[in-house]
């Protein structure tokens, strides 16, 4: 039997400091999110920014960081 605090600690966490690789490694559904954001970025994010943090990706491609993180969390089942 697990309590709520234990469940929270195992819940998905996606933060701006995580790299693209960190996110797609932990949450395979994130690959589809990045594919959808590729048009806005003008290139494949997973191909060209795999080792960059989400905040660096948002800055590099002039993307809305909070919207990107929210989309990733939704895909991972967090929201």
N, C-alpha and C. Protein backbone atom coordinates (compact mmCIF):
# COMPACT_ATOMS: atom_id res chain seq x y z
N UNK A 1 0.85 -1.18 0.00
CA UNK A 1 0.00 0.00 0.00
C UNK A 1 0.89 1.25 0.00
N UNK A 2 0.57 2.19 -0.89
CA UNK A 2 1.38 3.40 -0.98
C UNK A 2 0.56 4.60 -0.54
N UNK A 3 1.23 5.57 0.04
CA UNK A 3 0.52 6.79 0.40
C UNK A 3 0.69 7.83 -0.70
N UNK A 4 -0.03 8.93 -0.59
CA UNK A 4 -0.01 9.95 -1.64
C UNK A 4 1.36 10.57 -1.83
N UNK A 5 2.11 10.78 -0.77
CA UNK A 5 3.43 11.40 -0.91
C UNK A 5 4.38 10.48 -1.68
N UNK A 6 4.23 9.18 -1.51
CA UNK A 6 5.07 8.24 -2.25
C UNK A 6 4.71 8.25 -3.73
N UNK A 7 3.41 8.34 -4.03
CA UNK A 7 2.98 8.41 -5.43
C UNK A 7 3.50 9.68 -6.09
N UNK A 8 3.46 10.80 -5.37
CA UNK A 8 3.94 12.06 -5.93
C UNK A 8 5.42 11.99 -6.28
N UNK A 9 6.20 11.33 -5.46
CA UNK A 9 7.63 11.26 -5.71
C UNK A 9 7.95 10.45 -6.97
N UNK A 10 7.06 9.53 -7.35
CA UNK A 10 7.29 8.75 -8.56
C UNK A 10 6.58 9.34 -9.77
N UNK A 11 5.86 10.44 -9.59
CA UNK A 11 5.14 11.08 -10.69
C UNK A 11 6.14 11.71 -11.66
N UNK A 12 5.67 11.93 -12.87
CA UNK A 12 6.57 12.50 -13.87
C UNK A 12 6.90 13.95 -13.52
N UNK A 13 8.12 14.28 -13.75
CA UNK A 13 8.58 15.65 -13.52
C UNK A 13 9.31 16.10 -14.77
N UNK A 14 8.82 17.17 -15.36
CA UNK A 14 9.49 17.76 -16.51
C UNK A 14 9.75 19.21 -16.17
N UNK A 15 11.02 19.57 -16.18
CA UNK A 15 11.41 20.92 -15.81
C UNK A 15 12.26 21.55 -16.91
N UNK A 16 12.28 22.88 -16.99
CA UNK A 16 13.02 23.59 -18.03
C UNK A 16 14.51 23.25 -18.11
N UNK A 17 15.11 22.83 -17.02
CA UNK A 17 16.53 22.52 -17.02
C UNK A 17 16.86 21.14 -17.58
N UNK A 18 15.85 20.33 -17.82
CA UNK A 18 16.07 18.99 -18.37
C UNK A 18 16.43 19.09 -19.85
N UNK A 19 17.27 18.17 -20.30
CA UNK A 19 17.59 18.15 -21.73
C UNK A 19 16.49 17.43 -22.50
N UNK A 20 16.48 17.66 -23.80
CA UNK A 20 15.53 16.97 -24.67
C UNK A 20 15.71 15.46 -24.50
N UNK A 21 16.96 15.01 -24.45
CA UNK A 21 17.25 13.59 -24.27
C UNK A 21 16.68 13.06 -22.95
N UNK A 22 16.84 13.82 -21.86
CA UNK A 22 16.27 13.41 -20.57
C UNK A 22 14.77 13.17 -20.70
N UNK A 23 14.09 14.09 -21.35
CA UNK A 23 12.63 14.02 -21.45
C UNK A 23 12.19 12.84 -22.31
N UNK A 24 12.76 12.69 -23.50
CA UNK A 24 12.33 11.59 -24.37
C UNK A 24 12.76 10.22 -23.84
N UNK A 25 13.84 10.18 -23.08
CA UNK A 25 14.27 8.92 -22.47
C UNK A 25 13.29 8.45 -21.41
N UNK A 26 12.77 9.38 -20.64
CA UNK A 26 11.86 9.03 -19.55
C UNK A 26 10.41 8.91 -20.01
N UNK A 27 10.04 9.69 -21.01
CA UNK A 27 8.64 9.76 -21.46
C UNK A 27 8.59 9.65 -22.98
N UNK A 28 8.38 8.44 -23.49
CA UNK A 28 8.42 8.23 -24.94
C UNK A 28 7.37 9.07 -25.68
N UNK A 29 6.27 9.38 -25.02
CA UNK A 29 5.23 10.20 -25.66
C UNK A 29 5.73 11.61 -25.98
N UNK A 30 6.81 12.02 -25.36
CA UNK A 30 7.38 13.35 -25.61
C UNK A 30 7.90 13.49 -27.03
N UNK A 31 8.27 12.39 -27.66
CA UNK A 31 8.77 12.46 -29.04
C UNK A 31 7.72 13.06 -29.96
N UNK A 32 6.46 12.69 -29.76
CA UNK A 32 5.38 13.23 -30.59
C UNK A 32 5.20 14.73 -30.35
N UNK A 33 5.38 15.15 -29.11
CA UNK A 33 5.27 16.58 -28.79
C UNK A 33 6.37 17.35 -29.53
N UNK A 34 7.58 16.87 -29.44
CA UNK A 34 8.67 17.56 -30.13
C UNK A 34 8.44 17.59 -31.64
N UNK A 35 7.89 16.51 -32.21
CA UNK A 35 7.58 16.51 -33.64
C UNK A 35 6.59 17.61 -33.99
N UNK A 36 5.59 17.80 -33.12
CA UNK A 36 4.60 18.86 -33.37
C UNK A 36 5.23 20.25 -33.27
N UNK A 37 6.24 20.40 -32.43
CA UNK A 37 6.91 21.70 -32.25
C UNK A 37 7.99 21.95 -33.30
N UNK A 38 8.34 20.94 -34.08
CA UNK A 38 9.39 21.09 -35.10
C UNK A 38 9.05 22.18 -36.11
N UNK A 39 7.79 22.28 -36.52
CA UNK A 39 7.40 23.31 -37.50
C UNK A 39 7.68 24.71 -36.97
N UNK A 40 7.39 24.93 -35.70
CA UNK A 40 7.65 26.23 -35.09
C UNK A 40 9.14 26.51 -34.98
N UNK A 41 9.89 25.45 -34.72
CA UNK A 41 11.34 25.60 -34.58
C UNK A 41 12.03 25.75 -35.93
N UNK A 42 11.43 25.20 -36.96
CA UNK A 42 12.03 25.28 -38.29
C UNK A 42 12.99 24.14 -38.59
N UNK A 43 13.12 23.21 -37.66
CA UNK A 43 13.95 22.02 -37.87
C UNK A 43 13.59 20.98 -36.80
N UNK A 44 14.13 19.80 -36.95
CA UNK A 44 13.86 18.72 -36.00
C UNK A 44 14.58 19.01 -34.67
N UNK A 45 13.80 19.21 -33.63
CA UNK A 45 14.36 19.51 -32.31
C UNK A 45 15.16 18.32 -31.78
N UNK A 46 14.60 17.12 -31.91
CA UNK A 46 15.31 15.94 -31.40
C UNK A 46 16.61 15.68 -32.16
N UNK A 47 16.63 16.03 -33.44
CA UNK A 47 17.84 15.82 -34.25
C UNK A 47 18.92 16.86 -33.96
N UNK A 48 18.50 18.10 -33.71
CA UNK A 48 19.45 19.21 -33.64
C UNK A 48 19.66 19.81 -32.25
N UNK A 49 18.88 19.38 -31.28
CA UNK A 49 19.01 19.96 -29.94
C UNK A 49 18.86 18.90 -28.84
N UNK A 50 19.20 17.67 -29.15
CA UNK A 50 18.99 16.55 -28.23
C UNK A 50 19.65 16.75 -26.88
N UNK A 51 20.82 17.39 -26.87
CA UNK A 51 21.57 17.54 -25.62
C UNK A 51 21.39 18.91 -24.97
N UNK A 52 20.47 19.70 -25.50
CA UNK A 52 20.21 21.03 -24.95
C UNK A 52 19.04 20.98 -23.98
N UNK A 53 19.05 21.88 -23.01
CA UNK A 53 17.95 21.95 -22.05
C UNK A 53 16.71 22.54 -22.73
N UNK A 54 15.56 22.26 -22.14
CA UNK A 54 14.31 22.80 -22.70
C UNK A 54 14.33 24.31 -22.75
N UNK A 55 14.88 24.95 -21.71
CA UNK A 55 14.93 26.42 -21.73
C UNK A 55 15.86 26.93 -22.82
N UNK A 56 16.96 26.21 -23.07
CA UNK A 56 17.87 26.61 -24.16
C UNK A 56 17.21 26.40 -25.52
N UNK A 57 16.44 25.33 -25.65
CA UNK A 57 15.71 25.06 -26.90
C UNK A 57 14.69 26.16 -27.15
N UNK A 58 13.96 26.54 -26.12
CA UNK A 58 12.96 27.60 -26.28
C UNK A 58 13.62 28.91 -26.70
N UNK A 59 14.76 29.21 -26.10
CA UNK A 59 15.47 30.44 -26.46
C UNK A 59 16.03 30.35 -27.88
N UNK A 60 16.64 29.23 -28.21
CA UNK A 60 17.27 29.04 -29.52
C UNK A 60 16.26 29.18 -30.67
N UNK A 61 15.06 28.63 -30.46
CA UNK A 61 14.05 28.62 -31.52
C UNK A 61 12.93 29.64 -31.31
N UNK A 62 13.08 30.48 -30.30
CA UNK A 62 12.07 31.49 -29.98
C UNK A 62 10.69 30.86 -29.75
N UNK A 63 10.67 29.86 -28.88
CA UNK A 63 9.45 29.13 -28.54
C UNK A 63 8.95 29.54 -27.17
N UNK A 64 7.69 29.32 -26.93
CA UNK A 64 7.07 29.59 -25.63
C UNK A 64 7.42 28.42 -24.69
N UNK A 65 8.36 28.66 -23.78
CA UNK A 65 8.85 27.61 -22.89
C UNK A 65 7.74 27.01 -22.05
N UNK A 66 6.89 27.83 -21.46
CA UNK A 66 5.85 27.30 -20.58
C UNK A 66 4.85 26.45 -21.37
N UNK A 67 4.53 26.84 -22.59
CA UNK A 67 3.61 26.05 -23.42
C UNK A 67 4.26 24.72 -23.82
N UNK A 68 5.54 24.75 -24.14
CA UNK A 68 6.26 23.51 -24.49
C UNK A 68 6.27 22.56 -23.31
N UNK A 69 6.64 23.05 -22.14
CA UNK A 69 6.68 22.20 -20.94
C UNK A 69 5.29 21.66 -20.63
N UNK A 70 4.26 22.49 -20.75
CA UNK A 70 2.89 22.04 -20.50
C UNK A 70 2.50 20.93 -21.46
N UNK A 71 2.82 21.08 -22.75
CA UNK A 71 2.52 20.03 -23.73
C UNK A 71 3.25 18.73 -23.39
N UNK A 72 4.48 18.84 -22.97
CA UNK A 72 5.25 17.65 -22.60
C UNK A 72 4.66 16.97 -21.38
N UNK A 73 4.24 17.76 -20.39
CA UNK A 73 3.62 17.17 -19.18
C UNK A 73 2.31 16.50 -19.52
N UNK A 74 1.52 17.11 -20.39
CA UNK A 74 0.26 16.49 -20.80
C UNK A 74 0.52 15.15 -21.46
N UNK A 75 1.50 15.11 -22.34
CA UNK A 75 1.83 13.87 -23.05
C UNK A 75 2.32 12.80 -22.09
N UNK A 76 3.00 13.22 -21.05
CA UNK A 76 3.52 12.27 -20.07
C UNK A 76 2.47 11.88 -19.03
N UNK A 77 1.29 12.49 -19.12
CA UNK A 77 0.20 12.13 -18.21
C UNK A 77 0.20 12.88 -16.90
N UNK A 78 0.93 13.95 -16.81
CA UNK A 78 1.05 14.69 -15.55
C UNK A 78 -0.13 15.61 -15.31
N UNK A 79 -0.61 16.29 -16.34
CA UNK A 79 -1.70 17.27 -16.16
C UNK A 79 -3.04 16.65 -16.40
